């Protein structure tokens, strides 16, 4: 039992005020929405955290839990007092049982877990391990009662350990073996692919959860894997998967330097002050450590354009989420709203373009664009002395075309008239000068390709 030695009554009262409520509860397992086998009890686990109480060994004196359940068509809830099971980290874990005598195949059981704190008579309701919930009487979780498999089935599990490197024993642990690593050991089949058989006897729940374990290291970057046993055959072979789903194709083969160009014109025009601009994200060397200016960019054109290089070394995860920190602070958008792009390791350099405050996928600046009936691109982009704007008509017809260049204010900078060839292809070379032949300033520009029945606009960046 968790006990506090009390010298004076006022100390006890003060401690009660400091720890007056449950801070968190959840991690209910089995997860809502899962199949449960007719004929087997459903053992439900539920965790509670309270500062200064559950982080001590044993059960917290002021805490208790109940499991509520009923059939989907019933109006009244049954309840059972959950018993303390064990400490899980800083949490107290409780356990309750829905008896197999209560349900039959085809029924749906509604349930929720309720934590109670006697120090202030407050209640807590939590989510399951998949994040669903929180569950209560108005929003219960659900278990679907199913029949067990009709015959014994031997399931072959397979995992590719080549990317992480195997540490034997490599095993599979899951709901079928009490989540015990080292019980169902897999053997090397060659090329670091490990496989092994597990026998599921007739009557077993067809829905199982599991993970692979590398020595003592569990798969920790993914949720539980799920398996629905096919009992139409006595054998079932699962496809080979990568440990932690770490497919080598998802990581770069070479160092890639990504140059980021950020358009701040609209935000600066709205009065936002940019004393500095940094890049924060999920793939090293990026991180989410706001408060300092990480991976700083350089102002190229005042109140218009910032830019900088970020080196992603070989072996980097290709799928980048990032945010722009203005003045070292997380001010661009709400939590979880990020820019995204994929690192292209077919070349050692990559240019991407984004607008401050416009979240979501960004594209490589050099990527060709297909909009409507016109395919366009300009190379190089960004450019210093000039760029070639090329285009092709989807119809492949011979046509007159106009290429117009505008600044950020929408003012016409230059314009060219040309014809496509018989294949609908055309191009012009722009030397970075306006109609009067004067060099223009660094910054962001737009070029528009127009024919008599279509037009398309794309962005380009000049950097002298």
Protein backbone atom coordinates (compact mmCIF):
# COMPACT_ATOMS: atom_id res chain seq x y z
CA UNK A 1 0.00 0.00 0.00
CA UNK A 2 1.16 3.55 -0.66
CA UNK A 3 1.44 5.40 2.70
CA UNK A 4 2.38 8.93 3.66
CA UNK A 5 3.82 9.57 7.15
CA UNK A 6 1.89 12.49 8.60
CA UNK A 7 3.21 14.61 11.47
CA UNK A 8 0.44 17.15 11.65
CA UNK A 9 -3.14 17.29 10.42
CA UNK A 10 -2.51 20.46 8.41
CA UNK A 11 0.32 18.70 6.54
CA UNK A 12 -2.12 16.00 5.48
CA UNK A 13 -4.64 18.59 4.33
CA UNK A 14 -1.96 20.46 2.41
CA UNK A 15 -0.77 17.27 0.71
CA UNK A 16 -4.36 16.46 -0.23
CA UNK A 17 -4.73 19.82 -1.93
CA UNK A 18 -1.50 19.30 -3.85
CA UNK A 19 -2.64 15.86 -5.11
CA UNK A 20 -6.35 16.50 -5.31
CA UNK A 21 -7.23 14.86 -8.61
CA UNK A 22 -6.34 12.09 -11.02
CA UNK A 23 -4.00 13.56 -13.62
CA UNK A 24 -4.63 11.01 -16.37
CA UNK A 25 -6.22 7.64 -17.04
CA UNK A 26 -6.41 5.35 -20.06
CA UNK A 27 -4.36 2.72 -21.90
CA UNK A 28 -7.43 0.48 -21.87
CA UNK A 29 -6.75 -2.93 -23.38
CA UNK A 30 -8.12 -4.79 -25.33
CA UNK A 31 -8.76 -1.86 -27.65
CA UNK A 32 -12.26 -0.84 -28.58
CA UNK A 33 -13.48 -2.23 -31.90
CA UNK A 34 -11.68 -5.56 -31.50
CA UNK A 35 -13.14 -9.05 -31.81
CA UNK A 36 -13.44 -11.12 -28.63
CA UNK A 37 -14.03 -14.87 -28.59
CA UNK A 38 -17.29 -16.41 -27.45
CA UNK A 39 -16.54 -18.77 -24.59
CA UNK A 40 -13.61 -16.78 -23.17
CA UNK A 41 -13.71 -14.12 -20.45
CA UNK A 42 -12.76 -10.61 -21.58
CA UNK A 43 -10.05 -9.35 -19.22
CA UNK A 44 -9.90 -5.55 -19.39
CA UNK A 45 -6.86 -3.55 -18.23
CA UNK A 46 -6.96 0.15 -17.31
CA UNK A 47 -4.26 2.53 -16.01
CA UNK A 48 -4.41 5.57 -13.73
CA UNK A 49 -1.79 8.25 -13.07
CA UNK A 50 -1.83 10.68 -10.15
CA UNK A 51 1.17 12.83 -9.31
CA UNK A 52 2.87 11.85 -6.08
CA UNK A 53 0.70 8.75 -5.69
CA UNK A 54 0.97 6.27 -8.53
CA UNK A 55 4.66 6.96 -9.00
CA UNK A 56 5.22 5.23 -5.65
CA UNK A 57 5.40 1.39 -5.41
CA UNK A 58 2.08 -0.44 -5.05
CA UNK A 59 -1.53 0.70 -5.28
CA UNK A 60 -2.46 4.30 -4.44
CA UNK A 61 -4.70 4.41 -1.33
CA UNK A 62 -7.05 7.08 -2.64
CA UNK A 63 -7.68 5.44 -6.03
CA UNK A 64 -10.05 2.80 -7.31
CA UNK A 65 -11.57 1.77 -10.63
CA UNK A 66 -14.74 0.19 -12.00
CA UNK A 67 -15.49 -1.59 -15.27
CA UNK A 68 -18.96 -0.95 -16.71
CA UNK A 69 -20.44 -3.16 -19.44
CA UNK A 70 -23.70 -4.06 -21.16
CA UNK A 71 -24.98 -5.54 -24.38
CA UNK A 72 -25.57 -2.99 -27.13
CA UNK A 73 -29.34 -3.41 -26.96
CA UNK A 74 -29.58 -3.19 -23.16
CA UNK A 75 -30.32 0.02 -21.26
CA UNK A 76 -28.80 -0.78 -17.86
CA UNK A 77 -25.10 -1.07 -17.10
CA UNK A 78 -23.49 -3.82 -15.06
CA UNK A 79 -20.37 -2.90 -13.11
CA UNK A 80 -17.52 -4.71 -11.44
CA UNK A 81 -14.81 -3.36 -9.14
CA UNK A 82 -11.47 -3.59 -10.94
CA UNK A 83 -8.60 -5.01 -8.88
CA UNK A 84 -5.11 -3.53 -8.71
CA UNK A 85 -2.86 -5.55 -11.02
CA UNK A 86 0.60 -3.99 -11.09
CA UNK A 87 2.62 -0.80 -11.56
CA UNK A 88 3.28 0.12 -15.19
CA UNK A 89 5.91 2.84 -15.12
CA UNK A 90 4.40 5.64 -13.01
CA UNK A 91 0.85 4.32 -13.53
CA UNK A 92 -1.31 1.99 -11.43
CA UNK A 93 -2.88 -0.71 -13.60
CA UNK A 94 -6.27 -2.21 -12.73
CA UNK A 95 -7.95 -5.31 -14.11
CA UNK A 96 -11.61 -6.31 -14.52
CA UNK A 97 -13.41 -9.22 -16.19
CA UNK A 98 -16.48 -9.43 -18.41
CA UNK A 99 -17.47 -13.10 -17.91
CA UNK A 100 -17.91 -15.38 -20.92
CA UNK A 101 -21.29 -16.50 -19.54
CA UNK A 102 -22.65 -13.03 -20.25
CA UNK A 103 -22.38 -12.99 -24.06
CA UNK A 104 -22.75 -15.06 -27.22
CA UNK A 105 -21.38 -14.91 -30.78
CA UNK A 106 -22.74 -12.04 -32.85
CA UNK A 107 -23.35 -9.71 -29.91
CA UNK A 108 -21.72 -6.33 -29.30
CA UNK A 109 -20.61 -5.42 -25.78
CA UNK A 110 -20.44 -1.76 -24.75
CA UNK A 111 -17.95 -0.88 -22.03
CA UNK A 112 -16.02 1.88 -20.26
CA UNK A 113 -13.63 2.19 -17.33
CA UNK A 114 -14.05 4.72 -14.54
CA UNK A 115 -11.29 5.90 -12.23
CA UNK A 116 -12.22 7.37 -8.84
CA UNK A 117 -10.23 9.57 -6.46
CA UNK A 118 -11.59 9.53 -2.90
CA UNK A 119 -9.61 12.62 -1.84
CA UNK A 120 -11.99 14.90 -3.72
CA UNK A 121 -14.65 12.49 -5.05
CA UNK A 122 -13.67 13.08 -8.70
CA UNK A 123 -13.89 10.65 -11.61
CA UNK A 124 -11.73 10.04 -14.66
CA UNK A 125 -12.38 8.33 -18.00
CA UNK A 126 -9.71 7.40 -20.50
CA UNK A 127 -8.81 6.24 -24.00
CA UNK A 128 -7.67 2.83 -25.15
CA UNK A 129 -4.15 2.02 -26.35
CA UNK A 130 -5.01 3.02 -29.92
CA UNK A 131 -6.08 6.49 -28.75
CA UNK A 132 -9.82 5.92 -29.24
CA UNK A 133 -12.11 7.52 -26.67
CA UNK A 134 -12.28 8.71 -23.96
CA UNK A 135 -15.08 6.28 -23.20
CA UNK A 136 -17.97 6.85 -20.82
CA UNK A 137 -21.67 5.98 -20.57
CA UNK A 138 -22.53 8.34 -23.43
CA UNK A 139 -19.61 7.28 -25.61
CA UNK A 140 -18.75 3.67 -24.77
CA UNK A 141 -16.17 1.42 -26.37
CA UNK A 142 -17.27 -1.73 -28.18
CA UNK A 143 -16.22 -5.37 -28.25
CA UNK A 144 -17.54 -7.65 -30.99
CA UNK A 145 -18.20 -11.24 -29.93
CA UNK A 146 -17.15 -13.79 -32.54
CA UNK A 147 -16.85 -17.55 -32.73
CA UNK A 148 -13.42 -19.16 -32.54
CA UNK A 149 -11.64 -20.66 -35.56
CA UNK A 150 -13.14 -23.94 -36.78
CA UNK A 151 -9.91 -25.95 -36.97
CA UNK A 152 -6.25 -25.84 -35.90
CA UNK A 153 -4.29 -23.37 -38.04
CA UNK A 154 -0.50 -23.08 -38.19
CA UNK A 155 0.48 -19.48 -38.96
CA UNK A 156 3.96 -18.69 -40.35
CA UNK A 157 5.31 -15.29 -39.24
CA UNK A 158 8.11 -13.66 -41.30
CA UNK A 159 10.20 -10.54 -40.67
CA UNK A 160 13.12 -8.96 -42.55
CA UNK A 161 15.82 -7.88 -40.08
CA UNK A 162 18.38 -6.75 -42.66
CA UNK A 163 17.94 -3.03 -42.06
CA UNK A 164 18.16 -3.04 -38.25
CA UNK A 165 20.48 -6.03 -37.85
CA UNK A 166 19.24 -9.16 -36.04
CA UNK A 167 19.95 -9.77 -32.35
CA UNK A 168 19.02 -13.34 -31.60
CA UNK A 169 16.69 -14.60 -30.41
CA UNK A 170 14.33 -12.92 -32.87
CA UNK A 171 10.80 -13.76 -31.76
CA UNK A 172 7.13 -12.88 -32.14
CA UNK A 173 5.09 -11.91 -29.08
CA UNK A 174 1.41 -11.20 -28.95
CA UNK A 175 -2.02 -11.78 -27.50
CA UNK A 176 -1.62 -15.50 -28.27
CA UNK A 177 1.39 -16.04 -25.96
CA UNK A 178 0.86 -13.50 -23.21
CA UNK A 179 3.08 -10.96 -24.99
CA UNK A 180 6.10 -12.98 -23.91
CA UNK A 181 9.25 -12.47 -26.02
CA UNK A 182 11.45 -15.50 -26.59
CA UNK A 183 8.57 -17.99 -26.46
CA UNK A 184 7.86 -18.21 -30.19
CA UNK A 185 11.38 -17.94 -31.60
CA UNK A 186 11.98 -17.33 -35.32
CA UNK A 187 14.94 -18.75 -37.26
CA UNK A 188 17.10 -17.21 -39.96
CA UNK A 189 16.00 -18.32 -43.42
CA UNK A 190 18.87 -16.49 -45.14
CA UNK A 191 19.40 -12.82 -46.02
CA UNK A 192 18.38 -11.95 -42.44
CA UNK A 193 14.77 -13.00 -43.04
CA UNK A 194 13.47 -14.75 -39.92
CA UNK A 195 10.43 -17.03 -39.89
CA UNK A 196 8.62 -19.36 -37.51
CA UNK A 197 5.33 -21.21 -37.00
CA UNK A 198 2.72 -20.68 -34.29
CA UNK A 199 -0.13 -23.16 -33.82
CA UNK A 200 -3.57 -21.72 -33.13
CA UNK A 201 -5.97 -24.40 -31.93
CA UNK A 202 -9.63 -24.69 -32.88
CA UNK A 203 -11.77 -22.25 -30.89
CA UNK A 204 -9.07 -19.57 -30.77
CA UNK A 205 -10.06 -15.95 -31.36
CA UNK A 206 -9.47 -15.27 -35.08
CA UNK A 207 -8.32 -11.71 -34.25
CA UNK A 208 -4.81 -11.48 -32.79
CA UNK A 209 -2.31 -8.67 -32.12
CA UNK A 210 1.45 -9.03 -32.09
CA UNK A 211 4.88 -7.47 -32.53
CA UNK A 212 8.32 -8.76 -33.40
CA UNK A 213 11.12 -8.63 -30.82
CA UNK A 214 14.80 -8.26 -31.78
CA UNK A 215 16.68 -9.77 -28.85
CA UNK A 216 15.12 -7.69 -26.08
CA UNK A 217 14.12 -4.79 -28.34
CA UNK A 218 10.45 -4.55 -29.26
CA UNK A 219 9.12 -2.88 -32.39
CA UNK A 220 8.56 0.59 -30.94
CA UNK A 221 7.91 2.83 -33.94
CA UNK A 222 4.60 1.23 -34.94
CA UNK A 223 1.41 0.14 -33.21
CA UNK A 224 0.47 -3.47 -32.65
CA UNK A 225 0.31 -5.57 -35.78
CA UNK A 226 -3.02 -7.31 -36.34
CA UNK A 227 -3.84 -10.76 -37.68
CA UNK A 228 -7.15 -12.30 -38.70
CA UNK A 229 -6.69 -16.06 -38.86
CA UNK A 230 -8.06 -17.65 -42.03
CA UNK A 231 -9.40 -21.04 -40.92
CA UNK A 232 -10.35 -22.18 -44.42
CA UNK A 233 -6.96 -23.94 -44.51
CA UNK A 234 -4.82 -25.57 -41.78
CA UNK A 235 -1.86 -23.36 -42.75
CA UNK A 236 -1.47 -19.62 -43.23
CA UNK A 237 1.73 -17.88 -44.36
CA UNK A 238 2.04 -14.16 -43.61
CA UNK A 239 4.03 -11.94 -46.00
CA UNK A 240 7.53 -10.76 -45.08
CA UNK A 241 7.54 -7.38 -43.33
CA UNK A 242 10.40 -5.17 -42.18
CA UNK A 243 11.09 -4.86 -38.45
CA UNK A 244 9.40 -1.61 -37.31
CA UNK A 245 8.25 -1.33 -40.96
CA UNK A 246 11.64 0.24 -41.72
CA UNK A 247 11.82 -0.32 -45.46
CA UNK A 248 15.32 0.56 -46.79
CA UNK A 249 13.61 2.28 -49.73
CA UNK A 250 12.29 4.86 -47.25
CA UNK A 251 15.82 6.09 -46.45
CA UNK A 252 18.26 8.07 -48.59
CA UNK A 253 21.22 6.37 -50.25
CA UNK A 254 23.34 9.53 -50.53
CA UNK A 255 23.83 12.89 -48.81
CA UNK A 256 21.25 15.38 -50.13
CA UNK A 257 21.54 19.14 -49.64
CA UNK A 258 18.06 20.66 -49.71
CA UNK A 259 17.83 24.38 -50.42
CA UNK A 260 14.67 25.87 -48.94
CA UNK A 261 13.17 29.07 -50.34
CA UNK A 262 10.51 30.75 -48.22
CA UNK A 263 8.11 33.37 -49.56
CA UNK A 264 7.21 35.71 -46.67
CA UNK A 265 5.76 38.56 -48.78
CA UNK A 266 2.14 38.18 -47.68
CA UNK A 267 3.02 37.77 -43.99
CA UNK A 268 5.45 40.70 -44.02
CA UNK A 269 2.84 42.78 -45.80
CA UNK A 270 0.38 41.92 -43.03
CA UNK A 271 2.77 43.35 -40.44
CA UNK A 272 4.60 40.24 -39.20
CA UNK A 273 8.20 40.97 -38.20
CA UNK A 274 10.91 38.54 -39.34
CA UNK A 275 14.07 39.15 -37.33
CA UNK A 276 15.10 35.53 -37.96
CA UNK A 277 13.70 32.42 -39.60
CA UNK A 278 14.65 28.86 -38.68
CA UNK A 279 13.61 25.39 -39.83
CA UNK A 280 12.35 22.76 -37.37
CA UNK A 281 11.20 19.23 -38.14
CA UNK A 282 11.18 15.47 -37.70
CA UNK A 283 14.30 14.35 -39.61
CA UNK A 284 17.83 15.14 -38.40
CA UNK A 285 19.44 17.62 -38.52
CA UNK A 286 15.97 19.13 -37.97
CA UNK A 287 14.31 18.90 -34.56
CA UNK A 288 11.36 20.50 -32.78
CA UNK A 289 13.46 22.48 -30.28
CA UNK A 290 11.84 25.92 -30.54
CA UNK A 291 13.16 28.75 -28.40
CA UNK A 292 16.42 29.02 -30.31
CA UNK A 293 16.99 29.66 -34.00
CA UNK A 294 17.71 26.21 -35.41
CA UNK A 295 18.87 25.74 -39.02
CA UNK A 296 18.74 29.50 -39.68
CA UNK A 297 17.82 30.85 -43.09
CA UNK A 298 19.21 34.01 -44.69
CA UNK A 299 17.15 36.95 -45.88
CA UNK A 300 17.67 37.18 -49.65
CA UNK A 301 15.19 39.93 -50.49
CA UNK A 302 13.87 42.08 -47.61
CA UNK A 303 10.24 41.27 -46.73
CA UNK A 304 10.04 38.86 -49.68
CA UNK A 305 12.41 35.90 -49.64
CA UNK A 306 14.51 33.85 -47.19
CA UNK A 307 16.67 30.89 -48.12
CA UNK A 308 19.15 28.36 -46.74
CA UNK A 309 20.72 24.91 -47.18
CA UNK A 310 20.09 21.84 -45.02
CA UNK A 311 22.23 18.74 -45.43
CA UNK A 312 20.38 15.45 -44.92
CA UNK A 313 23.03 12.70 -44.65
CA UNK A 314 22.76 9.30 -46.30
CA UNK A 315 20.39 7.08 -44.33
CA UNK A 316 17.93 9.90 -43.60
CA UNK A 317 14.22 9.15 -43.45
CA UNK A 318 12.83 10.50 -46.73
CA UNK A 319 9.53 11.85 -45.45
CA UNK A 320 10.12 15.26 -43.91
CA UNK A 321 7.68 17.33 -41.89
CA UNK A 322 8.86 20.80 -40.98
CA UNK A 323 7.80 24.14 -39.64
CA UNK A 324 9.29 27.61 -39.95
CA UNK A 325 10.14 29.26 -36.64
CA UNK A 326 9.81 33.03 -36.81
CA UNK A 327 12.18 34.68 -34.34
CA UNK A 328 12.83 31.26 -32.78
CA UNK A 329 9.15 30.73 -31.90
CA UNK A 330 6.46 28.31 -33.04
CA UNK A 331 4.18 30.94 -34.57
CA UNK A 332 3.47 29.66 -38.06
CA UNK A 333 0.45 27.38 -37.51
CA UNK A 334 -1.31 25.14 -35.00
CA UNK A 335 0.01 21.95 -33.45
CA UNK A 336 0.44 19.18 -36.03
CA UNK A 337 0.09 21.58 -38.97
CA UNK A 338 3.35 21.21 -40.89
CA UNK A 339 4.94 21.56 -44.30
CA UNK A 340 5.88 18.23 -45.90
CA UNK A 341 8.16 17.04 -48.69
CA UNK A 342 9.98 13.90 -49.76
CA UNK A 343 13.77 13.96 -50.04
CA UNK A 344 14.76 13.07 -53.61
CA UNK A 345 18.03 11.15 -53.42
CA UNK A 346 18.36 10.72 -57.20
CA UNK A 347 20.53 13.87 -57.03
CA UNK A 348 22.79 15.33 -54.32
CA UNK A 349 20.87 18.64 -54.36
CA UNK A 350 17.19 19.54 -54.20
CA UNK A 351 15.38 22.87 -54.20
CA UNK A 352 12.00 23.33 -52.51
CA UNK A 353 9.74 26.33 -52.31
CA UNK A 354 7.14 27.19 -49.68
CA UNK A 355 5.06 30.10 -48.46
CA UNK A 356 5.23 31.07 -44.79
CA UNK A 357 1.92 30.12 -43.17
CA UNK A 358 0.69 27.94 -46.04
CA UNK A 359 0.98 24.43 -44.64
CA UNK A 360 0.95 21.05 -46.33
CA UNK A 361 2.95 19.48 -49.16
CA UNK A 362 5.61 21.55 -50.92
CA UNK A 363 7.19 20.69 -54.26
CA UNK A 364 10.65 20.82 -55.70
CA UNK A 365 11.07 24.08 -57.60
CA UNK A 366 12.55 22.30 -60.61
CA UNK A 367 9.60 19.92 -60.87
CA UNK A 368 7.70 20.27 -64.16
CA UNK A 369 4.08 21.30 -63.73
CA UNK A 370 1.10 19.93 -65.64
CA UNK A 371 -1.94 22.13 -65.31
CA UNK A 372 -4.87 21.66 -67.63
CA UNK A 373 -3.63 21.35 -71.19
CA UNK A 374 -0.14 22.85 -70.70
CA UNK A 375 2.99 21.22 -69.29
CA UNK A 376 5.56 23.84 -68.14
CA UNK A 377 8.89 24.18 -66.36
CA UNK A 378 11.82 26.55 -66.17
CA UNK A 379 15.46 25.54 -65.77
CA UNK A 380 17.37 26.49 -63.74
CA UNK A 381 15.10 27.52 -60.91
CA UNK A 382 16.26 29.40 -58.85
CA UNK A 383 18.49 31.15 -61.38
CA UNK A 384 21.16 33.85 -61.40
CA UNK A 385 21.66 35.23 -64.90
CA UNK A 386 18.77 33.71 -66.79
CA UNK A 387 16.40 30.79 -67.19
CA UNK A 388 14.78 28.81 -70.00
CA UNK A 389 11.00 28.59 -69.82
CA UNK A 390 9.77 25.59 -71.79
CA UNK A 391 6.25 24.27 -72.34
CA UNK A 392 4.31 21.67 -74.27
CA UNK A 393 0.66 21.56 -75.21
CA UNK A 394 -1.25 18.41 -74.37
CA UNK A 395 -2.97 18.59 -77.75
CA UNK A 396 0.44 18.71 -79.55
CA UNK A 397 -1.01 21.36 -81.87
CA UNK A 398 0.86 24.19 -83.63
CA UNK A 399 -0.22 27.37 -81.86
CA UNK A 400 0.75 30.90 -80.98
CA UNK A 401 1.73 31.33 -77.33
CA UNK A 402 2.50 34.23 -75.01
CA UNK A 403 4.91 34.00 -72.08
CA UNK A 404 4.29 36.79 -69.54
CA UNK A 405 6.44 37.49 -66.47
CA UNK A 406 5.00 39.24 -63.40
CA UNK A 407 6.37 40.39 -60.04
CA UNK A 408 4.74 39.70 -56.67
CA UNK A 409 2.53 42.78 -57.07
CA UNK A 410 1.09 41.37 -60.29
CA UNK A 411 2.86 44.00 -62.43
CA UNK A 412 3.99 42.89 -65.89
CA UNK A 413 7.81 42.72 -66.03
CA UNK A 414 8.37 41.28 -69.51
CA UNK A 415 6.47 39.46 -72.24
CA UNK A 416 7.39 37.19 -75.14
CA UNK A 417 5.40 36.00 -78.15
CA UNK A 418 6.34 32.71 -79.75
CA UNK A 419 4.99 29.71 -81.67
CA UNK A 420 5.03 26.06 -80.78
CA UNK A 421 6.43 23.49 -83.16
CA UNK A 422 4.37 20.76 -84.79
CA UNK A 423 4.58 18.74 -81.54
CA UNK A 424 3.13 21.57 -79.44
CA UNK A 425 6.52 22.40 -77.88
CA UNK A 426 7.94 25.88 -77.28
CA UNK A 427 10.47 27.74 -75.15
CA UNK A 428 11.92 31.18 -74.49
CA UNK A 429 15.08 32.36 -72.74
CA UNK A 430 14.65 35.12 -70.19
CA UNK A 431 17.78 37.00 -69.16
CA UNK A 432 16.31 38.51 -65.99
CA UNK A 433 15.61 41.90 -67.53
CA UNK A 434 12.40 43.90 -67.88
CA UNK A 435 10.82 45.17 -71.11
CA UNK A 436 13.17 48.20 -71.09
CA UNK A 437 16.21 45.91 -70.82
CA UNK A 438 16.97 46.79 -67.20
CA UNK A 439 18.09 44.13 -64.71
CA UNK A 440 15.43 43.35 -62.15
CA UNK A 441 15.87 42.78 -58.42
CA UNK A 442 16.25 39.43 -56.69
CA UNK A 443 13.02 37.81 -55.57
CA UNK A 444 10.03 35.74 -56.55
CA UNK A 445 8.44 36.07 -59.97
CA UNK A 446 5.67 34.30 -61.85
CA UNK A 447 5.58 33.27 -65.48
CA UNK A 448 2.36 32.67 -67.35
CA UNK A 449 2.13 30.65 -70.57
CA UNK A 450 -1.04 31.40 -72.55
CA UNK A 451 -2.60 30.16 -75.78
CA UNK A 452 -5.94 31.05 -77.30
CA UNK A 453 -7.72 28.42 -75.20
CA UNK A 454 -5.55 27.73 -72.11
CA UNK A 455 -3.08 29.29 -69.69
CA UNK A 456 -0.96 28.20 -66.74
CA UNK A 457 1.15 30.08 -64.18
CA UNK A 458 4.17 28.94 -62.16
CA UNK A 459 6.64 30.47 -59.71
CA UNK A 460 10.38 31.07 -60.18
CA UNK A 461 13.10 32.67 -58.07
CA UNK A 462 15.92 34.99 -59.13
CA UNK A 463 19.08 35.10 -57.01
CA UNK A 464 22.00 37.18 -58.31
